[in-house]
Amino acid sequence: MKFKPANVSVPEIDMTPMIDIVFQLITFFMVITNFDQNEADERVTLPRDQLAKPPMAVRKNSFMLNFGYDIDSTGKRKSEIPYLFFGDEKATLEQVRPRLQQESQFYKTIGTKYEDVTVEIRADARVPAGMVQELIQMCQEDKIQFQRFALKATQKAEP
C-alpha cells in the first residue's frame, strides 16, 4: 500500500493573546505600585533616628514637602542654599509661600478642614533645624493655616 505524502506545513502561532496578557500584566503592576515613593526625592537624604517609625495608618489628607539641596550626578551639592522640590521645580524658602497658599486654597475648596490636613516634611539631614522651623511657621501663617505636621526620618538600626 502506497501512502501519499501529506502536505506538511509549519503551524503558525497567534501571538495576539500573548501580547494582550503582557499588557494586562504591565497595567496591573502599574496600578498596584506604591505611589508614596513617587513623592520621595533622591535629592533629600533623611536623618537617622532610633525613634523614627512609619505611621500606623495611611494619612488621608496630606501633602509632601521635600526640603534638600540641589546635587550633581556625583552627589555633591551644587550650592549651599536648600530648596523645596516640587518635581522638576525648585524654590527657596522665601519663594515657597505662594505654593503653600495654593495648597491651602485647594483644601479649602474641597471642603477639608485645615486641622485634618497633615503637612509631611522630608528635610535633608544637612538642612539646618532653624530653616525647618521657619517652614513650619510659614505653614501656620494666616493665609495658609495648616496645623498638623509630620517630619520624616529613617529608622536607625540598633547595634
N, C-alpha and C. Protein backbone atom coordinates (compact mmCIF):
# COMPACT_ATOMS: atom_id res chain seq x y z
N MET A 1 0.83 -1.15 0.00
CA MET A 1 0.00 0.00 0.00
C MET A 1 0.89 1.24 0.00
N LYS A 2 0.56 2.11 -0.88
CA LYS A 2 1.37 3.30 -1.05
C LYS A 2 0.64 4.51 -0.46
N PHE A 3 1.40 5.22 0.42
CA PHE A 3 0.83 6.43 1.03
C PHE A 3 1.34 7.65 0.31
N LYS A 4 0.44 8.60 0.13
CA LYS A 4 0.84 9.87 -0.46
C LYS A 4 1.36 10.76 0.66
N PRO A 5 2.48 11.40 0.44
CA PRO A 5 2.97 12.30 1.48
C PRO A 5 2.00 13.47 1.68
N ALA A 6 1.68 13.70 2.91
CA ALA A 6 0.77 14.81 3.24
C ALA A 6 1.52 16.13 3.15
N ASN A 7 0.78 17.15 2.80
CA ASN A 7 1.38 18.50 2.77
C ASN A 7 1.58 18.96 4.21
N VAL A 8 2.82 18.90 4.63
CA VAL A 8 3.14 19.32 5.99
C VAL A 8 3.47 20.80 5.97
N SER A 9 2.74 21.52 6.80
CA SER A 9 3.02 22.96 6.90
C SER A 9 3.40 23.28 8.34
N VAL A 10 4.20 24.28 8.50
CA VAL A 10 4.63 24.70 9.82
C VAL A 10 3.47 25.43 10.47
N PRO A 11 3.07 24.99 11.67
CA PRO A 11 1.95 25.67 12.33
C PRO A 11 2.35 27.08 12.75
N GLU A 12 1.46 28.00 12.57
CA GLU A 12 1.71 29.38 12.97
C GLU A 12 1.05 29.63 14.32
N ILE A 13 1.76 30.34 15.17
CA ILE A 13 1.25 30.65 16.50
C ILE A 13 0.70 32.06 16.48
N ASP A 14 -0.53 32.20 16.96
CA ASP A 14 -1.16 33.52 17.04
C ASP A 14 -0.66 34.20 18.31
N MET A 15 0.08 35.27 18.17
CA MET A 15 0.69 35.96 19.31
C MET A 15 -0.21 37.02 19.94
N THR A 16 -1.35 37.27 19.35
CA THR A 16 -2.24 38.32 19.84
C THR A 16 -2.65 38.10 21.30
N PRO A 17 -3.09 36.89 21.71
CA PRO A 17 -3.44 36.72 23.11
C PRO A 17 -2.25 36.91 24.06
N MET A 18 -1.07 36.52 23.63
CA MET A 18 0.12 36.69 24.46
C MET A 18 0.42 38.17 24.68
N ILE A 19 0.29 38.96 23.65
CA ILE A 19 0.52 40.41 23.76
C ILE A 19 -0.52 41.02 24.68
N ASP A 20 -1.77 40.59 24.57
CA ASP A 20 -2.82 41.10 25.46
C ASP A 20 -2.51 40.80 26.91
N ILE A 21 -2.05 39.60 27.19
CA ILE A 21 -1.73 39.22 28.57
C ILE A 21 -0.57 40.06 29.10
N VAL A 22 0.44 40.28 28.29
CA VAL A 22 1.59 41.08 28.72
C VAL A 22 1.15 42.50 29.06
N PHE A 23 0.32 43.11 28.23
CA PHE A 23 -0.14 44.47 28.51
C PHE A 23 -1.02 44.51 29.75
N GLN A 24 -1.82 43.47 29.98
CA GLN A 24 -2.63 43.43 31.19
C GLN A 24 -1.75 43.31 32.43
N LEU A 25 -0.69 42.54 32.35
CA LEU A 25 0.23 42.43 33.49
C LEU A 25 0.94 43.76 33.76
N ILE A 26 1.36 44.42 32.72
CA ILE A 26 2.01 45.73 32.89
C ILE A 26 1.05 46.70 33.56
N THR A 27 -0.20 46.73 33.10
CA THR A 27 -1.21 47.61 33.69
C THR A 27 -1.45 47.26 35.14
N PHE A 28 -1.54 45.98 35.44
CA PHE A 28 -1.77 45.53 36.81
C PHE A 28 -0.66 46.00 37.74
N PHE A 29 0.58 45.82 37.34
CA PHE A 29 1.70 46.21 38.20
C PHE A 29 1.82 47.73 38.32
N MET A 30 1.42 48.46 37.32
CA MET A 30 1.43 49.92 37.42
C MET A 30 0.39 50.39 38.43
N VAL A 31 -0.75 49.73 38.47
CA VAL A 31 -1.82 50.14 39.37
C VAL A 31 -1.49 49.81 40.82
N ILE A 32 -0.85 48.67 41.08
CA ILE A 32 -0.59 48.29 42.47
C ILE A 32 0.72 48.85 43.01
N THR A 33 1.46 49.59 42.21
CA THR A 33 2.72 50.18 42.67
C THR A 33 2.46 51.14 43.81
N ASN A 34 3.35 51.17 44.76
CA ASN A 34 3.24 52.07 45.90
C ASN A 34 3.57 53.49 45.44
N PHE A 35 2.56 54.33 45.35
CA PHE A 35 2.76 55.67 44.82
C PHE A 35 3.36 56.62 45.84
N ASP A 36 3.41 56.23 47.14
CA ASP A 36 4.05 57.09 48.13
C ASP A 36 5.51 57.33 47.81
N GLN A 37 6.17 56.36 47.22
CA GLN A 37 7.57 56.52 46.90
C GLN A 37 7.78 57.53 45.77
N ASN A 38 6.73 57.79 44.99
CA ASN A 38 6.87 58.78 43.93
C ASN A 38 7.05 60.18 44.50
N GLU A 39 6.55 60.39 45.74
CA GLU A 39 6.71 61.69 46.36
C GLU A 39 8.09 61.86 46.98
N ALA A 40 8.81 60.76 47.12
CA ALA A 40 10.16 60.82 47.67
C ALA A 40 11.10 61.40 46.62
N ASP A 41 12.05 62.16 47.07
CA ASP A 41 13.01 62.80 46.17
C ASP A 41 14.40 62.35 46.55
N GLU A 42 15.15 61.85 45.57
CA GLU A 42 16.50 61.33 45.85
C GLU A 42 17.48 62.42 46.25
N ARG A 43 17.11 63.67 46.07
CA ARG A 43 17.99 64.77 46.47
C ARG A 43 17.93 65.03 47.97
N VAL A 44 17.00 64.36 48.66
CA VAL A 44 16.83 64.54 50.09
C VAL A 44 17.32 63.29 50.81
N THR A 45 18.34 63.46 51.66
CA THR A 45 18.86 62.36 52.49
C THR A 45 18.29 62.54 53.88
N LEU A 46 17.39 61.65 54.26
CA LEU A 46 16.71 61.80 55.54
C LEU A 46 17.66 61.56 56.71
N PRO A 47 17.41 62.25 57.82
CA PRO A 47 18.22 62.00 59.02
C PRO A 47 17.87 60.63 59.61
N ARG A 48 18.79 60.06 60.37
CA ARG A 48 18.55 58.77 61.03
C ARG A 48 18.23 59.01 62.50
N ASP A 49 17.22 58.27 62.99
CA ASP A 49 16.81 58.42 64.37
C ASP A 49 16.25 57.09 64.87
N GLN A 50 16.52 56.74 66.12
CA GLN A 50 16.01 55.50 66.68
C GLN A 50 14.51 55.56 66.91
N LEU A 51 13.97 56.75 67.11
CA LEU A 51 12.55 56.90 67.39
C LEU A 51 11.69 56.97 66.12
N ALA A 52 12.33 57.04 64.97
CA ALA A 52 11.58 57.15 63.71
C ALA A 52 10.85 55.84 63.44
N LYS A 53 9.54 55.95 63.24
CA LYS A 53 8.72 54.78 62.93
C LYS A 53 7.72 55.16 61.85
N PRO A 54 7.38 54.22 60.98
CA PRO A 54 6.38 54.53 59.96
C PRO A 54 5.02 54.77 60.61
N PRO A 55 4.17 55.57 59.99
CA PRO A 55 2.85 55.83 60.57
C PRO A 55 2.02 54.54 60.62
N MET A 56 1.19 54.42 61.64
CA MET A 56 0.36 53.23 61.80
C MET A 56 -0.72 53.14 60.72
N ALA A 57 -1.24 54.28 60.31
CA ALA A 57 -2.29 54.30 59.29
C ALA A 57 -1.90 55.29 58.20
N VAL A 58 -2.45 55.07 57.02
CA VAL A 58 -2.18 55.97 55.90
C VAL A 58 -2.94 57.28 56.16
N ARG A 59 -2.24 58.37 55.99
CA ARG A 59 -2.87 59.68 56.19
C ARG A 59 -3.75 60.00 55.00
N LYS A 60 -4.98 60.38 55.28
CA LYS A 60 -5.94 60.63 54.21
C LYS A 60 -5.68 61.96 53.51
N ASN A 61 -5.59 63.02 54.26
CA ASN A 61 -5.38 64.35 53.70
C ASN A 61 -3.98 64.82 54.07
N SER A 62 -3.05 64.66 53.14
CA SER A 62 -1.69 65.09 53.41
C SER A 62 -1.00 65.45 52.11
N PHE A 63 0.04 66.25 52.25
CA PHE A 63 0.88 66.53 51.09
C PHE A 63 2.32 66.63 51.56
N MET A 64 3.23 66.31 50.64
CA MET A 64 4.64 66.17 50.96
C MET A 64 5.43 67.40 50.53
N LEU A 65 6.35 67.83 51.38
CA LEU A 65 7.30 68.88 51.05
C LEU A 65 8.70 68.28 51.15
N ASN A 66 9.44 68.25 50.05
CA ASN A 66 10.82 67.76 50.03
C ASN A 66 11.75 68.95 50.15
N PHE A 67 12.56 68.98 51.21
CA PHE A 67 13.42 70.12 51.52
C PHE A 67 14.86 69.63 51.56
N GLY A 68 15.65 69.98 50.56
CA GLY A 68 17.02 69.50 50.50
C GLY A 68 17.88 70.35 49.59
N TYR A 69 18.99 69.77 49.17
CA TYR A 69 19.97 70.50 48.37
C TYR A 69 19.97 70.00 46.93
N ASP A 70 20.24 70.91 46.01
CA ASP A 70 20.39 70.56 44.61
C ASP A 70 21.76 69.89 44.46
N ILE A 71 21.79 68.67 43.93
CA ILE A 71 23.04 67.93 43.85
C ILE A 71 23.37 67.59 42.39
N ASP A 72 24.66 67.35 42.13
CA ASP A 72 25.07 66.95 40.79
C ASP A 72 25.05 65.42 40.69
N SER A 73 25.54 64.89 39.58
CA SER A 73 25.47 63.44 39.34
C SER A 73 26.36 62.64 40.30
N THR A 74 27.34 63.28 40.91
CA THR A 74 28.22 62.58 41.86
C THR A 74 27.70 62.65 43.29
N GLY A 75 26.62 63.41 43.51
CA GLY A 75 26.05 63.54 44.84
C GLY A 75 26.54 64.73 45.63
N LYS A 76 27.34 65.59 45.00
CA LYS A 76 27.84 66.78 45.69
C LYS A 76 26.85 67.93 45.52
N ARG A 77 26.77 68.76 46.54
CA ARG A 77 25.86 69.91 46.49
C ARG A 77 26.33 70.93 45.46
N LYS A 78 25.38 71.43 44.68
CA LYS A 78 25.70 72.48 43.71
C LYS A 78 25.78 73.84 44.39
N SER A 79 25.00 74.01 45.46
CA SER A 79 25.04 75.27 46.21
C SER A 79 24.73 74.97 47.67
N GLU A 80 24.96 75.96 48.51
CA GLU A 80 24.73 75.80 49.94
C GLU A 80 23.31 76.19 50.34
N ILE A 81 22.51 76.59 49.36
CA ILE A 81 21.14 77.01 49.63
C ILE A 81 20.21 75.80 49.50
N PRO A 82 19.44 75.47 50.55
CA PRO A 82 18.49 74.37 50.43
C PRO A 82 17.24 74.82 49.67
N TYR A 83 16.65 73.90 48.94
CA TYR A 83 15.46 74.18 48.13
C TYR A 83 14.32 73.26 48.53
N LEU A 84 13.12 73.70 48.23
CA LEU A 84 11.96 72.83 48.31
C LEU A 84 11.69 72.35 46.89
N PHE A 85 11.57 71.03 46.73
CA PHE A 85 11.42 70.44 45.41
C PHE A 85 9.98 70.03 45.15
N PHE A 86 9.49 70.40 43.99
CA PHE A 86 8.16 70.02 43.52
C PHE A 86 8.33 69.42 42.14
N GLY A 87 8.71 68.16 42.06
CA GLY A 87 9.01 67.54 40.78
C GLY A 87 10.27 68.17 40.20
N ASP A 88 10.16 68.75 39.01
CA ASP A 88 11.30 69.40 38.37
C ASP A 88 11.50 70.83 38.85
N GLU A 89 10.49 71.38 39.52
CA GLU A 89 10.59 72.76 40.01
C GLU A 89 11.28 72.77 41.37
N LYS A 90 11.94 73.87 41.64
CA LYS A 90 12.53 74.05 42.96
C LYS A 90 12.34 75.51 43.38
N ALA A 91 12.22 75.71 44.70
CA ALA A 91 12.01 77.06 45.24
C ALA A 91 12.77 77.18 46.54
N THR A 92 13.27 78.38 46.80
CA THR A 92 13.92 78.63 48.08
C THR A 92 12.84 78.82 49.14
N LEU A 93 13.24 78.87 50.37
CA LEU A 93 12.29 79.04 51.47
C LEU A 93 11.49 80.34 51.31
N GLU A 94 12.13 81.38 50.80
CA GLU A 94 11.45 82.66 50.61
C GLU A 94 10.45 82.61 49.44
N GLN A 95 10.67 81.74 48.50
CA GLN A 95 9.82 81.66 47.30
C GLN A 95 8.66 80.68 47.43
N VAL A 96 8.58 79.93 48.51
CA VAL A 96 7.60 78.84 48.60
C VAL A 96 6.22 79.28 49.11
N ARG A 97 6.12 80.46 49.68
CA ARG A 97 4.86 80.94 50.26
C ARG A 97 3.68 80.86 49.28
N PRO A 98 3.81 81.32 48.02
CA PRO A 98 2.66 81.20 47.09
C PRO A 98 2.23 79.75 46.85
N ARG A 99 3.18 78.85 46.83
CA ARG A 99 2.85 77.43 46.63
C ARG A 99 2.07 76.88 47.84
N LEU A 100 2.46 77.29 49.04
CA LEU A 100 1.74 76.86 50.24
C LEU A 100 0.34 77.46 50.27
N GLN A 101 0.21 78.71 49.85
CA GLN A 101 -1.12 79.32 49.78
C GLN A 101 -2.01 78.59 48.78
N GLN A 102 -1.42 78.14 47.68
CA GLN A 102 -2.16 77.37 46.68
C GLN A 102 -2.66 76.04 47.27
N GLU A 103 -1.81 75.35 48.01
CA GLU A 103 -2.21 74.10 48.67
C GLU A 103 -3.33 74.36 49.67
N SER A 104 -3.19 75.44 50.44
CA SER A 104 -4.21 75.80 51.42
C SER A 104 -5.55 76.07 50.74
N GLN A 105 -5.50 76.79 49.65
CA GLN A 105 -6.72 77.11 48.90
C GLN A 105 -7.36 75.84 48.34
N PHE A 106 -6.55 74.89 47.89
CA PHE A 106 -7.06 73.63 47.37
C PHE A 106 -7.89 72.89 48.44
N TYR A 107 -7.32 72.76 49.65
CA TYR A 107 -8.04 72.05 50.70
C TYR A 107 -9.28 72.80 51.15
N LYS A 108 -9.23 74.14 51.10
CA LYS A 108 -10.42 74.93 51.43
C LYS A 108 -11.50 74.71 50.38
N THR A 109 -11.10 74.65 49.11
CA THR A 109 -12.06 74.47 48.02
C THR A 109 -12.76 73.12 48.09
N ILE A 110 -12.04 72.06 48.45
CA ILE A 110 -12.67 70.74 48.50
C ILE A 110 -13.38 70.50 49.84
N GLY A 111 -13.34 71.49 50.74
CA GLY A 111 -14.08 71.41 52.00
C GLY A 111 -13.40 70.63 53.10
N THR A 112 -12.09 70.55 53.06
CA THR A 112 -11.35 69.86 54.11
C THR A 112 -10.89 70.87 55.14
N LYS A 113 -11.11 70.53 56.42
CA LYS A 113 -10.68 71.42 57.49
C LYS A 113 -9.15 71.40 57.57
N TYR A 114 -8.57 72.53 57.90
CA TYR A 114 -7.11 72.65 57.97
C TYR A 114 -6.52 71.73 59.04
N GLU A 115 -7.27 71.53 60.14
CA GLU A 115 -6.75 70.66 61.20
C GLU A 115 -6.73 69.18 60.79
N ASP A 116 -7.38 68.83 59.68
CA ASP A 116 -7.38 67.46 59.17
C ASP A 116 -6.28 67.21 58.14
N VAL A 117 -5.57 68.27 57.75
CA VAL A 117 -4.53 68.15 56.73
C VAL A 117 -3.17 68.01 57.42
N THR A 118 -2.39 67.01 56.98
CA THR A 118 -1.05 66.82 57.53
C THR A 118 -0.02 67.25 56.50
N VAL A 119 0.88 68.12 56.90
CA VAL A 119 1.99 68.54 56.05
C VAL A 119 3.17 67.64 56.40
N GLU A 120 3.56 66.77 55.47
CA GLU A 120 4.68 65.85 55.69
C GLU A 120 5.94 66.50 55.15
N ILE A 121 6.90 66.73 56.01
CA ILE A 121 8.14 67.40 55.62
C ILE A 121 9.27 66.39 55.58
N ARG A 122 9.85 66.21 54.40
CA ARG A 122 11.05 65.37 54.23
C ARG A 122 12.22 66.32 54.09
N ALA A 123 12.88 66.60 55.21
CA ALA A 123 14.00 67.54 55.20
C ALA A 123 15.31 66.76 55.21
N ASP A 124 16.24 67.20 54.38
CA ASP A 124 17.57 66.60 54.32
C ASP A 124 18.23 66.74 55.69
N ALA A 125 19.05 65.77 56.05
CA ALA A 125 19.72 65.78 57.35
C ALA A 125 20.64 66.99 57.51
N ARG A 126 21.11 67.55 56.38
CA ARG A 126 22.04 68.68 56.44
C ARG A 126 21.35 70.04 56.46
N VAL A 127 20.03 70.07 56.29
CA VAL A 127 19.29 71.35 56.35
C VAL A 127 19.22 71.78 57.81
N PRO A 128 19.59 73.03 58.10
CA PRO A 128 19.55 73.50 59.49
C PRO A 128 18.13 73.41 60.07
N ALA A 129 18.06 73.00 61.34
CA ALA A 129 16.76 72.84 62.01
C ALA A 129 15.98 74.15 62.02
N GLY A 130 16.69 75.27 62.11
CA GLY A 130 16.02 76.57 62.11
C GLY A 130 15.25 76.83 60.82
N MET A 131 15.77 76.34 59.69
CA MET A 131 15.07 76.54 58.41
C MET A 131 13.81 75.67 58.35
N VAL A 132 13.86 74.48 58.94
CA VAL A 132 12.67 73.63 59.00
C VAL A 132 11.62 74.30 59.89
N GLN A 133 12.05 74.91 60.98
CA GLN A 133 11.13 75.64 61.86
C GLN A 133 10.51 76.83 61.12
N GLU A 134 11.28 77.53 60.32
CA GLU A 134 10.75 78.64 59.52
C GLU A 134 9.68 78.14 58.55
N LEU A 135 9.92 76.97 57.93
CA LEU A 135 8.95 76.39 57.02
C LEU A 135 7.65 76.07 57.75
N ILE A 136 7.77 75.50 58.94
CA ILE A 136 6.57 75.18 59.73
C ILE A 136 5.83 76.45 60.11
N GLN A 137 6.55 77.50 60.53
CA GLN A 137 5.91 78.77 60.87
C GLN A 137 5.21 79.38 59.67
N MET A 138 5.82 79.25 58.50
CA MET A 138 5.21 79.77 57.28
C MET A 138 3.90 79.03 56.99
N CYS A 139 3.88 77.73 57.24
CA CYS A 139 2.66 76.94 57.02
C CYS A 139 1.55 77.31 57.99
N GLN A 140 1.89 77.94 59.10
CA GLN A 140 0.90 78.31 60.11
C GLN A 140 0.40 79.74 59.96
N GLU A 141 0.90 80.48 58.99
CA GLU A 141 0.50 81.89 58.80
C GLU A 141 -0.99 82.00 58.50
N ASP A 142 -1.50 83.24 58.61
CA ASP A 142 -2.93 83.48 58.45
C ASP A 142 -3.50 83.02 57.11
N LYS A 143 -2.80 83.26 56.02
CA LYS A 143 -3.34 82.91 54.71
C LYS A 143 -3.15 81.43 54.37
N ILE A 144 -2.41 80.69 55.21
CA ILE A 144 -2.15 79.28 54.92
C ILE A 144 -2.84 78.38 55.95
N GLN A 145 -2.57 78.56 57.22
CA GLN A 145 -3.28 77.98 58.36
C GLN A 145 -3.20 76.46 58.53
N PHE A 146 -2.15 75.81 58.10
CA PHE A 146 -2.02 74.38 58.38
C PHE A 146 -1.60 74.21 59.83
N GLN A 147 -2.08 73.13 60.47
CA GLN A 147 -1.85 72.96 61.89
C GLN A 147 -1.16 71.64 62.26
N ARG A 148 -1.17 70.66 61.37
CA ARG A 148 -0.63 69.34 61.69
C ARG A 148 0.58 69.06 60.80
N PHE A 149 1.66 68.58 61.43
CA PHE A 149 2.90 68.34 60.71
C PHE A 149 3.48 66.97 61.06
N ALA A 150 4.19 66.39 60.11
CA ALA A 150 4.91 65.14 60.33
C ALA A 150 6.28 65.28 59.67
N LEU A 151 7.33 64.99 60.42
CA LEU A 151 8.68 65.06 59.89
C LEU A 151 9.15 63.64 59.60
N LYS A 152 9.70 63.44 58.43
CA LYS A 152 10.16 62.11 58.01
C LYS A 152 11.61 61.91 58.41
N ALA A 153 11.93 60.69 58.81
CA ALA A 153 13.31 60.29 59.13
C ALA A 153 13.46 58.82 58.83
N THR A 154 14.68 58.37 58.72
CA THR A 154 14.98 56.96 58.50
C THR A 154 15.27 56.34 59.86
N GLN A 155 14.72 55.16 60.10
CA GLN A 155 14.93 54.50 61.38
C GLN A 155 16.35 53.99 61.48
N LYS A 156 17.04 54.35 62.56
CA LYS A 156 18.42 53.93 62.78
C LYS A 156 18.40 52.52 63.35
N ALA A 157 19.15 51.64 62.73
CA ALA A 157 19.24 50.26 63.23
C ALA A 157 20.07 50.24 64.51
N GLU A 158 19.59 49.49 65.49
CA GLU A 158 20.32 49.39 66.75
C GLU A 158 21.52 48.46 66.57
N PRO A 159 22.67 48.79 67.20
CA PRO A 159 23.87 47.97 67.02
C PRO A 159 23.75 46.61 67.71
